[in-house]
Amino acid sequence: MAEPFRQKQIHRPLRAIAFTQDARVNFPAEFPGGVAFRMVLGATIITGPATGDAAGNLTYPWGTHDLDIPGTYAAYFVGTDASGKTETFPDGANLQIVVVPTI
């Protein structure tokens, strides 16, 4: 008997908004060095390029194996300014990403 066909789940990109007390973060102007996403669970580290726009909208397109290991991850975005200095978003506490096993 042939094994049933299993289609890989396609996940929508992770989206977030970064803002200060005064306004949303203008990523192209304030962080021309780019934006990255990072999430950590023990020794498991998932990282990749993200995008940020002038209205503070952040987007990370999930990679093929980013969500393979179940668990609760600490996650954040990292912006790099023109001098190479980095800043994390959010800055007060990490985001929490929960990856659940599939059935």
Protein backbone atom coordinates (compact mmCIF):
# COMPACT_ATOMS: atom_id res chain seq x y z
CA MET A 1 0.00 0.00 0.00
CA ALA A 2 1.34 3.42 -0.93
CA GLU A 3 1.89 5.99 1.79
CA PRO A 4 -0.66 8.84 1.71
CA PHE A 5 0.44 12.13 0.20
CA ARG A 6 1.17 14.78 2.85
CA GLN A 7 1.25 18.39 1.81
CA LYS A 8 3.60 20.69 3.73
CA GLN A 9 1.68 23.30 5.72
CA ILE A 10 2.28 26.83 4.42
CA HIS A 11 2.16 29.40 7.19
CA ARG A 12 1.31 33.05 6.77
CA PRO A 13 4.19 35.43 7.56
CA LEU A 14 4.63 36.65 11.13
CA ARG A 15 3.61 40.29 11.37
CA ALA A 16 4.19 42.83 14.15
CA ILE A 17 4.20 46.60 14.63
CA ALA A 18 7.08 48.46 16.29
CA PHE A 19 6.45 51.83 17.89
CA THR A 20 7.83 54.18 20.51
CA GLN A 21 5.87 56.31 22.94
CA ASP A 22 5.71 59.03 20.26
CA ALA A 23 5.33 57.23 16.93
CA ARG A 24 5.78 54.08 14.91
CA VAL A 25 9.38 53.17 13.99
CA ASN A 26 10.44 54.20 10.47
CA PHE A 27 12.63 51.21 9.63
CA PRO A 28 14.07 52.38 6.27
CA ALA A 29 15.12 55.74 7.76
CA GLU A 30 16.25 54.56 11.22
CA PHE A 31 17.61 51.09 10.37
CA PRO A 32 19.06 51.17 6.84
CA GLY A 33 21.24 48.16 7.74
CA GLY A 34 18.15 45.97 7.66
CA VAL A 35 15.96 43.97 9.99
CA ALA A 36 16.25 40.36 11.11
CA PHE A 37 13.99 38.01 13.07
CA ARG A 38 15.27 35.67 15.77
CA MET A 39 13.58 33.08 17.98
CA VAL A 40 15.25 30.86 20.55
CA LEU A 41 14.31 27.69 22.45
CA GLY A 42 17.31 26.39 24.37
CA ALA A 43 19.95 25.45 21.79
CA THR A 44 17.46 25.82 18.91
CA ILE A 45 17.88 29.18 17.18
CA ILE A 46 15.80 30.26 14.19
CA THR A 47 16.88 33.43 12.43
CA GLY A 48 16.38 35.09 9.09
CA PRO A 49 15.87 38.35 7.23
CA ALA A 50 12.72 40.33 7.93
CA THR A 51 11.31 43.53 6.50
CA GLY A 52 10.25 46.74 8.18
CA ASP A 53 8.47 49.68 6.57
CA ALA A 54 8.08 53.38 7.34
CA ALA A 55 4.87 52.71 9.31
CA GLY A 56 6.61 50.32 11.74
CA ASN A 57 5.19 47.17 10.17
CA LEU A 58 7.50 44.17 10.54
CA THR A 59 7.18 40.95 8.53
CA TYR A 60 9.02 37.64 8.75
CA PRO A 61 8.25 34.97 6.13
CA TRP A 62 8.56 31.56 7.83
CA GLY A 63 11.24 29.31 6.36
CA THR A 64 10.51 25.72 5.38
CA HIS A 65 11.72 24.19 8.67
CA ASP A 66 11.30 27.13 11.09
CA LEU A 67 8.31 25.55 12.83
CA ASP A 68 9.46 21.91 12.90
CA ILE A 69 10.45 21.78 16.59
CA PRO A 70 7.53 22.24 19.02
CA GLY A 71 7.97 24.42 22.10
CA THR A 72 7.69 27.94 23.46
CA TYR A 73 10.25 30.27 21.88
CA ALA A 74 11.47 33.72 22.92
CA ALA A 75 11.41 35.90 19.80
CA TYR A 76 12.31 39.40 18.67
CA PHE A 77 13.23 41.54 15.67
CA VAL A 78 16.66 43.20 15.36
CA GLY A 79 17.16 46.45 13.45
CA THR A 80 20.64 47.58 12.36
CA ASP A 81 21.32 51.31 11.99
CA ALA A 82 23.78 52.96 9.58
CA SER A 83 26.68 52.66 12.06
CA GLY A 84 26.09 48.92 12.61
CA LYS A 85 24.49 49.37 16.04
CA THR A 86 21.54 47.06 16.68
CA GLU A 87 18.27 47.54 18.52
CA THR A 88 15.72 44.87 19.42
CA PHE A 89 11.95 45.06 19.08
CA PRO A 90 10.12 44.77 21.33
CA ASP A 91 12.58 46.30 23.77
CA GLY A 92 10.85 45.55 27.10
CA ALA A 93 10.25 41.80 26.78
CA ASN A 94 10.55 39.19 24.05
CA LEU A 95 7.62 37.99 22.00
CA GLN A 96 6.50 34.47 22.80
CA ILE A 97 5.95 32.06 19.89
CA VAL A 98 4.32 28.72 20.70
CA VAL A 99 4.89 25.97 18.13
CA VAL A 100 2.56 23.01 18.60
CA PRO A 101 3.08 19.53 17.12
CA THR A 102 0.92 18.54 14.17
CA ILE A 103 -1.22 15.44 14.20
